[in-house]
């Protein structure tokens, strides 16, 4: 992996955090109801991340890392009383 590819990979993974915040903000009326599904997505994305990384499919594992980070940020924001209880 060359340096430009490493920088782009890190940048894309860092962009998962604002994406999770934006998803939580745009779907704030469904955060509490979807908390159960967030847990399922966390488990599924982590298992697939580990599996694809173990078998050498690094690009696909980075995709599941992105999904894992987005879901964990949204799950954390679903516990935020100020954000989760607001209606649009």
PDB file of N, CA and C in Angstrom:
ATOM      1  N   UNK A   1       0.857  -1.175   0.000  1.00  0.00           N
ATOM      2  CA  UNK A   1       0.000   0.000   0.000  1.00  0.00           C
ATOM      3  C   UNK A   1       0.899   1.232   0.000  1.00  0.00           C
ATOM      4  N   UNK A   2       0.742   2.094  -0.986  1.00  0.00           N
ATOM      5  CA  UNK A   2       1.577   3.284  -1.033  1.00  0.00           C
ATOM      6  C   UNK A   2       1.019   4.376  -0.128  1.00  0.00           C
ATOM      7  N   UNK A   3       1.770   5.461  -0.019  1.00  0.00           N
ATOM      8  CA  UNK A   3       1.416   6.492   0.957  1.00  0.00           C
ATOM      9  C   UNK A   3       0.138   7.234   0.576  1.00  0.00           C
ATOM     10  N   UNK A   4      -0.079   7.483  -0.701  1.00  0.00           N
ATOM     11  CA  UNK A   4      -1.296   8.189  -1.114  1.00  0.00           C
ATOM     12  C   UNK A   4      -2.531   7.339  -0.826  1.00  0.00           C
ATOM     13  N   UNK A   5      -2.418   6.066  -1.086  1.00  0.00           N
ATOM     14  CA  UNK A   5      -3.536   5.168  -0.812  1.00  0.00           C
ATOM     15  C   UNK A   5      -3.799   5.078   0.690  1.00  0.00           C
ATOM     16  N   UNK A   6      -2.754   5.090   1.498  1.00  0.00           N
ATOM     17  CA  UNK A   6      -2.921   5.061   2.954  1.00  0.00           C
ATOM     18  C   UNK A   6      -3.583   6.325   3.465  1.00  0.00           C
ATOM     19  N   UNK A   7      -3.202   7.462   2.915  1.00  0.00           N
ATOM     20  CA  UNK A   7      -3.794   8.737   3.323  1.00  0.00           C
ATOM     21  C   UNK A   7      -5.269   8.779   2.944  1.00  0.00           C
ATOM     22  N   UNK A   8      -5.599   8.336   1.738  1.00  0.00           N
ATOM     23  CA  UNK A   8      -6.997   8.318   1.317  1.00  0.00           C
ATOM     24  C   UNK A   8      -7.833   7.360   2.163  1.00  0.00           C
ATOM     25  N   UNK A   9      -7.253   6.222   2.513  1.00  0.00           N
ATOM     26  CA  UNK A   9      -7.953   5.269   3.371  1.00  0.00           C
ATOM     27  C   UNK A   9      -8.236   5.878   4.741  1.00  0.00           C
ATOM     28  N   UNK A  10      -7.244   6.525   5.316  1.00  0.00           N
ATOM     29  CA  UNK A  10      -7.426   7.163   6.624  1.00  0.00           C
ATOM     30  C   UNK A  10      -8.453   8.279   6.546  1.00  0.00           C
ATOM     31  N   UNK A  11      -8.421   9.054   5.477  1.00  0.00           N
ATOM     32  CA  UNK A  11      -9.381  10.151   5.312  1.00  0.00           C
ATOM     33  C   UNK A  11     -10.806   9.629   5.209  1.00  0.00           C
ATOM     34  N   UNK A  12     -11.004   8.562   4.451  1.00  0.00           N
ATOM     35  CA  UNK A  12     -12.342   7.994   4.300  1.00  0.00           C
ATOM     36  C   UNK A  12     -12.842   7.421   5.620  1.00  0.00           C
ATOM     37  N   UNK A  13     -11.972   6.771   6.375  1.00  0.00           N
ATOM     38  CA  UNK A  13     -12.378   6.217   7.670  1.00  0.00           C
ATOM     39  C   UNK A  13     -12.700   7.335   8.656  1.00  0.00           C
ATOM     40  N   UNK A  14     -11.941   8.432   8.622  1.00  0.00           N
ATOM     41  CA  UNK A  14     -12.222   9.567   9.506  1.00  0.00           C
ATOM     42  C   UNK A  14     -13.559  10.211   9.142  1.00  0.00           C
ATOM     43  N   UNK A  15     -13.916  10.203   7.870  1.00  0.00           N
ATOM     44  CA  UNK A  15     -15.192  10.778   7.444  1.00  0.00           C
ATOM     45  C   UNK A  15     -16.396   9.963   7.896  1.00  0.00           C
ATOM     46  N   UNK A  16     -16.174   8.790   8.451  1.00  0.00           N
ATOM     47  CA  UNK A  16     -17.286   7.986   8.962  1.00  0.00           C
ATOM     48  C   UNK A  16     -17.921   8.636  10.183  1.00  0.00           C
ATOM     49  N   UNK A  17     -17.140   9.347  10.974  1.00  0.00           N
ATOM     50  CA  UNK A  17     -17.678   9.979  12.193  1.00  0.00           C
ATOM     51  C   UNK A  17     -18.685  11.076  11.845  1.00  0.00           C
ATOM     52  N   UNK A  18     -18.348  12.054  10.982  1.00  0.00           N
ATOM     53  CA  UNK A  18     -19.385  13.043  10.644  1.00  0.00           C
ATOM     54  C   UNK A  18     -20.587  12.438   9.914  1.00  0.00           C
ATOM     55  N   UNK A  19     -20.350  11.374   9.170  1.00  0.00           N
ATOM     56  CA  UNK A  19     -21.458  10.703   8.506  1.00  0.00           C
ATOM     57  C   UNK A  19     -22.417  10.097   9.528  1.00  0.00           C
ATOM     58  N   UNK A  20     -21.872   9.513  10.591  1.00  0.00           N
ATOM     59  CA  UNK A  20     -22.707   8.972  11.660  1.00  0.00           C
ATOM     60  C   UNK A  20     -23.505  10.050  12.368  1.00  0.00           C
ATOM     61  N   UNK A  21     -22.866  11.206  12.612  1.00  0.00           N
ATOM     62  CA  UNK A  21     -23.581  12.321  13.233  1.00  0.00           C
ATOM     63  C   UNK A  21     -24.693  12.837  12.323  1.00  0.00           C
ATOM     64  N   UNK A  22     -24.393  12.948  11.025  1.00  0.00           N
ATOM     65  CA  UNK A  22     -25.400  13.433  10.090  1.00  0.00           C
ATOM     66  C   UNK A  22     -26.572  12.456   9.995  1.00  0.00           C
ATOM     67  N   UNK A  23     -26.282  11.171   9.962  1.00  0.00           N
ATOM     68  CA  UNK A  23     -27.335  10.167   9.930  1.00  0.00           C
ATOM     69  C   UNK A  23     -28.195  10.233  11.191  1.00  0.00           C
ATOM     70  N   UNK A  24     -27.556  10.409  12.344  1.00  0.00           N
ATOM     71  CA  UNK A  24     -28.310  10.509  13.597  1.00  0.00           C
ATOM     72  C   UNK A  24     -29.169  11.764  13.622  1.00  0.00           C
ATOM     73  N   UNK A  25     -28.653  12.854  13.075  1.00  0.00           N
ATOM     74  CA  UNK A  25     -29.415  14.096  13.062  1.00  0.00           C
ATOM     75  C   UNK A  25     -30.609  14.015  12.108  1.00  0.00           C
ATOM     76  N   UNK A  26     -30.381  13.453  10.919  1.00  0.00           N
ATOM     77  CA  UNK A  26     -31.455  13.398   9.932  1.00  0.00           C
ATOM     78  C   UNK A  26     -32.534  12.387  10.295  1.00  0.00           C
ATOM     79  N   UNK A  27     -32.179  11.358  11.023  1.00  0.00           N
ATOM     80  CA  UNK A  27     -33.133  10.300  11.391  1.00  0.00           C
ATOM     81  C   UNK A  27     -33.398  10.279  12.885  1.00  0.00           C
ATOM     82  N   UNK A  28     -33.400  11.428  13.513  1.00  0.00           N
ATOM     83  CA  UNK A  28     -33.495  11.470  14.971  1.00  0.00           C
ATOM     84  C   UNK A  28     -34.825  10.976  15.504  1.00  0.00           C
ATOM     85  N   UNK A  29     -35.882  11.010  14.692  1.00  0.00           N
ATOM     86  CA  UNK A  29     -37.164  10.505  15.177  1.00  0.00           C
ATOM     87  C   UNK A  29     -37.199   8.982  15.208  1.00  0.00           C
ATOM     88  N   UNK A  30     -36.255   8.329  14.559  1.00  0.00           N
ATOM     89  CA  UNK A  30     -36.216   6.871  14.548  1.00  0.00           C
ATOM     90  C   UNK A  30     -35.053   6.294  15.349  1.00  0.00           C
ATOM     91  N   UNK A  31     -34.312   7.124  16.044  1.00  0.00           N
ATOM     92  CA  UNK A  31     -33.134   6.642  16.777  1.00  0.00           C
ATOM     93  C   UNK A  31     -33.498   5.671  17.888  1.00  0.00           C
ATOM     94  N   UNK A  32     -34.508   5.995  18.658  1.00  0.00           N
ATOM     95  CA  UNK A  32     -34.871   5.146  19.796  1.00  0.00           C
ATOM     96  C   UNK A  32     -35.483   3.837  19.313  1.00  0.00           C
ATOM     97  N   UNK A  33     -36.333   3.917  18.295  1.00  0.00           N
ATOM     98  CA  UNK A  33     -36.964   2.699  17.780  1.00  0.00           C
ATOM     99  C   UNK A  33     -35.958   1.783  17.077  1.00  0.00           C
ATOM    100  N   UNK A  34     -34.934   2.357  16.494  1.00  0.00           N
ATOM    101  CA  UNK A  34     -33.963   1.561  15.762  1.00  0.00           C
ATOM    102  C   UNK A  34     -32.773   1.104  16.570  1.00  0.00           C
ATOM    103  N   UNK A  35     -32.800   1.342  17.875  1.00  0.00           N
ATOM    104  CA  UNK A  35     -31.656   0.978  18.720  1.00  0.00           C
ATOM    105  C   UNK A  35     -31.369  -0.520  18.675  1.00  0.00           C
ATOM    106  N   UNK A  36     -32.423  -1.326  18.617  1.00  0.00           N
ATOM    107  CA  UNK A  36     -32.249  -2.779  18.528  1.00  0.00           C
ATOM    108  C   UNK A  36     -31.521  -3.138  17.227  1.00  0.00           C
ATOM    109  N   UNK A  37     -31.887  -2.471  16.129  1.00  0.00           N
ATOM    110  CA  UNK A  37     -31.270  -2.759  14.837  1.00  0.00           C
ATOM    111  C   UNK A  37     -29.841  -2.248  14.778  1.00  0.00           C
ATOM    112  N   UNK A  38     -29.562  -1.174  15.499  1.00  0.00           N
ATOM    113  CA  UNK A  38     -28.177  -0.696  15.574  1.00  0.00           C
ATOM    114  C   UNK A  38     -27.277  -1.761  16.203  1.00  0.00           C
ATOM    115  N   UNK A  39     -27.789  -2.413  17.251  1.00  0.00           N
ATOM    116  CA  UNK A  39     -26.991  -3.475  17.881  1.00  0.00           C
ATOM    117  C   UNK A  39     -26.717  -4.611  16.904  1.00  0.00           C
ATOM    118  N   UNK A  40     -27.750  -5.000  16.159  1.00  0.00           N
ATOM    119  CA  UNK A  40     -27.562  -6.069  15.170  1.00  0.00           C
ATOM    120  C   UNK A  40     -26.556  -5.661  14.099  1.00  0.00           C
ATOM    121  N   UNK A  41     -26.660  -4.430  13.628  1.00  0.00           N
ATOM    122  CA  UNK A  41     -25.719  -3.948  12.624  1.00  0.00           C
ATOM    123  C   UNK A  41     -24.298  -3.872  13.158  1.00  0.00           C
ATOM    124  N   UNK A  42     -24.154  -3.489  14.426  1.00  0.00           N
ATOM    125  CA  UNK A  42     -22.819  -3.452  15.039  1.00  0.00           C
ATOM    126  C   UNK A  42     -22.192  -4.840  15.052  1.00  0.00           C
ATOM    127  N   UNK A  43     -22.951  -5.812  15.490  1.00  0.00           N
ATOM    128  CA  UNK A  43     -22.429  -7.182  15.566  1.00  0.00           C
ATOM    129  C   UNK A  43     -22.117  -7.720  14.176  1.00  0.00           C
ATOM    130  N   UNK A  44     -23.053  -7.538  13.248  1.00  0.00           N
ATOM    131  CA  UNK A  44     -22.867  -8.058  11.894  1.00  0.00           C
ATOM    132  C   UNK A  44     -21.684  -7.396  11.190  1.00  0.00           C
ATOM    133  N   UNK A  45     -21.581  -6.084  11.287  1.00  0.00           N
ATOM    134  CA  UNK A  45     -20.473  -5.407  10.606  1.00  0.00           C
ATOM    135  C   UNK A  45     -19.133  -5.763  11.237  1.00  0.00           C
ATOM    136  N   UNK A  46     -19.085  -5.968  12.553  1.00  0.00           N
ATOM    137  CA  UNK A  46     -17.827  -6.346  13.180  1.00  0.00           C
ATOM    138  C   UNK A  46     -17.408  -7.757  12.779  1.00  0.00           C
ATOM    139  N   UNK A  47     -18.372  -8.674  12.737  1.00  0.00           N
ATOM    140  CA  UNK A  47     -18.057 -10.053  12.336  1.00  0.00           C
ATOM    141  C   UNK A  47     -17.575 -10.089  10.885  1.00  0.00           C
ATOM    142  N   UNK A  48     -18.267  -9.380  10.002  1.00  0.00           N
ATOM    143  CA  UNK A  48     -17.853  -9.349   8.600  1.00  0.00           C
ATOM    144  C   UNK A  48     -16.529  -8.625   8.420  1.00  0.00           C
ATOM    145  N   UNK A  49     -16.298  -7.568   9.204  1.00  0.00           N
ATOM    146  CA  UNK A  49     -15.019  -6.864   9.166  1.00  0.00           C
ATOM    147  C   UNK A  49     -13.880  -7.805   9.533  1.00  0.00           C
ATOM    148  N   UNK A  50     -14.037  -8.527  10.617  1.00  0.00           N
ATOM    149  CA  UNK A  50     -12.989  -9.455  11.047  1.00  0.00           C
ATOM    150  C   UNK A  50     -12.809 -10.593  10.052  1.00  0.00           C
ATOM    151  N   UNK A  51     -13.918 -11.113   9.524  1.00  0.00           N
ATOM    152  CA  UNK A  51     -13.834 -12.223   8.580  1.00  0.00           C
ATOM    153  C   UNK A  51     -13.138 -11.844   7.287  1.00  0.00           C
ATOM    154  N   UNK A  52     -13.534 -10.723   6.704  1.00  0.00           N
ATOM    155  CA  UNK A  52     -12.903 -10.305   5.451  1.00  0.00           C
ATOM    156  C   UNK A  52     -11.447  -9.897   5.674  1.00  0.00           C
ATOM    157  N   UNK A  53     -11.148  -9.287   6.809  1.00  0.00           N
ATOM    158  CA  UNK A  53      -9.759  -8.924   7.092  1.00  0.00           C
ATOM    159  C   UNK A  53      -8.904 -10.171   7.271  1.00  0.00           C
ATOM    160  N   UNK A  54      -9.450 -11.169   7.950  1.00  0.00           N
ATOM    161  CA  UNK A  54      -8.719 -12.415   8.183  1.00  0.00           C
ATOM    162  C   UNK A  54      -8.403 -13.144   6.880  1.00  0.00           C
ATOM    163  N   UNK A  55      -9.343 -13.117   5.929  1.00  0.00           N
ATOM    164  CA  UNK A  55      -9.139 -13.817   4.666  1.00  0.00           C
ATOM    165  C   UNK A  55      -8.445 -12.968   3.598  1.00  0.00           C
ATOM    166  N   UNK A  56      -8.046 -11.749   3.946  1.00  0.00           N
ATOM    167  CA  UNK A  56      -7.240 -10.939   3.047  1.00  0.00           C
ATOM    168  C   UNK A  56      -7.991 -10.012   2.112  1.00  0.00           C
ATOM    169  N   UNK A  57      -9.273  -9.846   2.301  1.00  0.00           N
ATOM    170  CA  UNK A  57     -10.053  -8.912   1.492  1.00  0.00           C
ATOM    171  C   UNK A  57     -10.081  -7.563   2.212  1.00  0.00           C
ATOM    172  N   UNK A  58      -8.990  -6.799   2.086  1.00  0.00           N
ATOM    173  CA  UNK A  58      -8.813  -5.588   2.880  1.00  0.00           C
ATOM    174  C   UNK A  58      -9.765  -4.468   2.464  1.00  0.00           C
ATOM    175  N   UNK A  59     -10.052  -4.370   1.175  1.00  0.00           N
ATOM    176  CA  UNK A  59     -10.939  -3.298   0.722  1.00  0.00           C
ATOM    177  C   UNK A  59     -12.353  -3.497   1.259  1.00  0.00           C
ATOM    178  N   UNK A  60     -12.818  -4.730   1.250  1.00  0.00           N
ATOM    179  CA  UNK A  60     -14.157  -5.016   1.770  1.00  0.00           C
ATOM    180  C   UNK A  60     -14.182  -4.841   3.286  1.00  0.00           C
ATOM    181  N   UNK A  61     -13.096  -5.210   3.958  1.00  0.00           N
ATOM    182  CA  UNK A  61     -13.048  -5.023   5.410  1.00  0.00           C
ATOM    183  C   UNK A  61     -13.043  -3.541   5.771  1.00  0.00           C
ATOM    184  N   UNK A  62     -12.441  -2.698   4.936  1.00  0.00           N
ATOM    185  CA  UNK A  62     -12.492  -1.250   5.187  1.00  0.00           C
ATOM    186  C   UNK A  62     -13.908  -0.710   5.021  1.00  0.00           C
ATOM    187  N   UNK A  63     -14.657  -1.289   4.099  1.00  0.00           N
ATOM    188  CA  UNK A  63     -16.051  -0.897   3.942  1.00  0.00           C
ATOM    189  C   UNK A  63     -16.853  -1.220   5.194  1.00  0.00           C
ATOM    190  N   UNK A  64     -16.626  -2.405   5.754  1.00  0.00           N
ATOM    191  CA  UNK A  64     -17.338  -2.771   6.978  1.00  0.00           C
ATOM    192  C   UNK A  64     -16.830  -1.988   8.184  1.00  0.00           C
ATOM    193  N   UNK A  65     -15.579  -1.558   8.163  1.00  0.00           N
ATOM    194  CA  UNK A  65     -15.083  -0.672   9.225  1.00  0.00           C
ATOM    195  C   UNK A  65     -15.811   0.657   9.166  1.00  0.00           C
ATOM    196  N   UNK A  66     -16.012   1.190   7.964  1.00  0.00           N
ATOM    197  CA  UNK A  66     -16.762   2.433   7.791  1.00  0.00           C
ATOM    198  C   UNK A  66     -18.187   2.274   8.321  1.00  0.00           C
ATOM    199  N   UNK A  67     -18.839   1.188   7.950  1.00  0.00           N
ATOM    200  CA  UNK A  67     -20.201   0.930   8.422  1.00  0.00           C
ATOM    201  C   UNK A  67     -20.229   0.799   9.938  1.00  0.00           C
ATOM    202  N   UNK A  68     -19.251   0.109  10.510  1.00  0.00           N
ATOM    203  CA  UNK A  68     -19.174  -0.075  11.958  1.00  0.00           C
ATOM    204  C   UNK A  68     -19.053   1.270  12.671  1.00  0.00           C
ATOM    205  N   UNK A  69     -18.206   2.152  12.164  1.00  0.00           N
ATOM    206  CA  UNK A  69     -18.017   3.456  12.805  1.00  0.00           C
ATOM    207  C   UNK A  69     -19.280   4.302  12.690  1.00  0.00           C
ATOM    208  N   UNK A  70     -19.924   4.306  11.527  1.00  0.00           N
ATOM    209  CA  UNK A  70     -21.159   5.079  11.346  1.00  0.00           C
ATOM    210  C   UNK A  70     -22.242   4.577  12.294  1.00  0.00           C
ATOM    211  N   UNK A  71     -22.385   3.280  12.408  1.00  0.00           N
ATOM    212  CA  UNK A  71     -23.432   2.711  13.261  1.00  0.00           C
ATOM    213  C   UNK A  71     -23.133   2.960  14.728  1.00  0.00           C
ATOM    214  N   UNK A  72     -21.872   2.867  15.134  1.00  0.00           N
ATOM    215  CA  UNK A  72     -21.567   3.087  16.553  1.00  0.00           C
ATOM    216  C   UNK A  72     -21.796   4.547  16.947  1.00  0.00           C
ATOM    217  N   UNK A  73     -21.507   5.478  16.050  1.00  0.00           N
ATOM    218  CA  UNK A  73     -21.787   6.892  16.343  1.00  0.00           C
ATOM    219  C   UNK A  73     -23.290   7.111  16.444  1.00  0.00           C
ATOM    220  N   UNK A  74     -24.053   6.541  15.530  1.00  0.00           N
ATOM    221  CA  UNK A  74     -25.508   6.684  15.585  1.00  0.00           C
ATOM    222  C   UNK A  74     -26.092   6.012  16.826  1.00  0.00           C
ATOM    223  N   UNK A  75     -25.531   4.883  17.210  1.00  0.00           N
ATOM    224  CA  UNK A  75     -26.005   4.194  18.415  1.00  0.00           C
ATOM    225  C   UNK A  75     -25.728   5.029  19.662  1.00  0.00           C
ATOM    226  N   UNK A  76     -24.571   5.620  19.734  1.00  0.00           N
ATOM    227  CA  UNK A  76     -24.239   6.480  20.877  1.00  0.00           C
ATOM    228  C   UNK A  76     -25.166   7.693  20.911  1.00  0.00           C
ATOM    229  N   UNK A  77     -25.426   8.289  19.737  1.00  0.00           N
ATOM    230  CA  UNK A  77     -26.313   9.444  19.691  1.00  0.00           C
ATOM    231  C   UNK A  77     -27.764   9.065  19.975  1.00  0.00           C
ATOM    232  N   UNK A  78     -28.130   7.793  19.840  1.00  0.00           N
ATOM    233  CA  UNK A  78     -29.497   7.393  20.171  1.00  0.00           C
ATOM    234  C   UNK A  78     -29.725   7.430  21.674  1.00  0.00           C
ATOM    235  N   UNK A  79     -28.668   7.410  22.442  1.00  0.00           N
ATOM    236  CA  UNK A  79     -28.769   7.527  23.906  1.00  0.00           C
ATOM    237  C   UNK A  79     -28.837   8.980  24.358  1.00  0.00           C
ATOM    238  N   UNK A  80     -28.568   9.919  23.468  1.00  0.00           N
ATOM    239  CA  UNK A  80     -28.598  11.345  23.790  1.00  0.00           C
ATOM    240  C   UNK A  80     -30.050  11.803  23.884  1.00  0.00           C
ATOM    241  N   UNK A  81     -30.460  12.216  25.063  1.00  0.00           N
ATOM    242  CA  UNK A  81     -31.861  12.591  25.298  1.00  0.00           C
ATOM    243  C   UNK A  81     -32.272  13.820  24.489  1.00  0.00           C
ATOM    244  N   UNK A  82     -31.357  14.779  24.354  1.00  0.00           N
ATOM    245  CA  UNK A  82     -31.715  16.003  23.642  1.00  0.00           C
ATOM    246  C   UNK A  82     -31.934  15.753  22.152  1.00  0.00           C
ATOM    247  N   UNK A  83     -31.135  14.899  21.563  1.00  0.00           N
ATOM    248  CA  UNK A  83     -31.234  14.665  20.128  1.00  0.00           C
ATOM    249  C   UNK A  83     -32.340  13.668  19.796  1.00  0.00           C
ATOM    250  N   UNK A  84     -32.448  12.605  20.559  1.00  0.00           N
ATOM    251  CA  UNK A  84     -33.351  11.500  20.212  1.00  0.00           C
ATOM    252  C   UNK A  84     -34.815  11.859  20.428  1.00  0.00           C
ATOM    253  N   UNK A  85     -35.130  12.778  21.304  1.00  0.00           N
ATOM    254  CA  UNK A  85     -36.532  13.082  21.591  1.00  0.00           C
ATOM    255  C   UNK A  85     -37.101  14.204  20.745  1.00  0.00           C
ATOM    256  N   UNK A  86     -36.277  14.901  19.971  1.00  0.00           N
ATOM    257  CA  UNK A  86     -36.778  15.988  19.139  1.00  0.00           C
ATOM    258  C   UNK A  86     -37.494  15.437  17.927  1.00  0.00           C
ATOM    259  N   UNK A  87     -38.547  16.103  17.564  1.00  0.00           N
ATOM    260  CA  UNK A  87     -39.285  15.755  16.354  1.00  0.00           C
ATOM    261  C   UNK A  87     -39.047  16.851  15.327  1.00  0.00           C
ATOM    262  N   UNK A  88     -39.074  16.468  14.080  1.00  0.00           N
ATOM    263  CA  UNK A  88     -38.851  17.463  13.018  1.00  0.00           C
ATOM    264  C   UNK A  88     -40.125  18.228  12.764  1.00  0.00           C
TER     265      UNK A  88
END
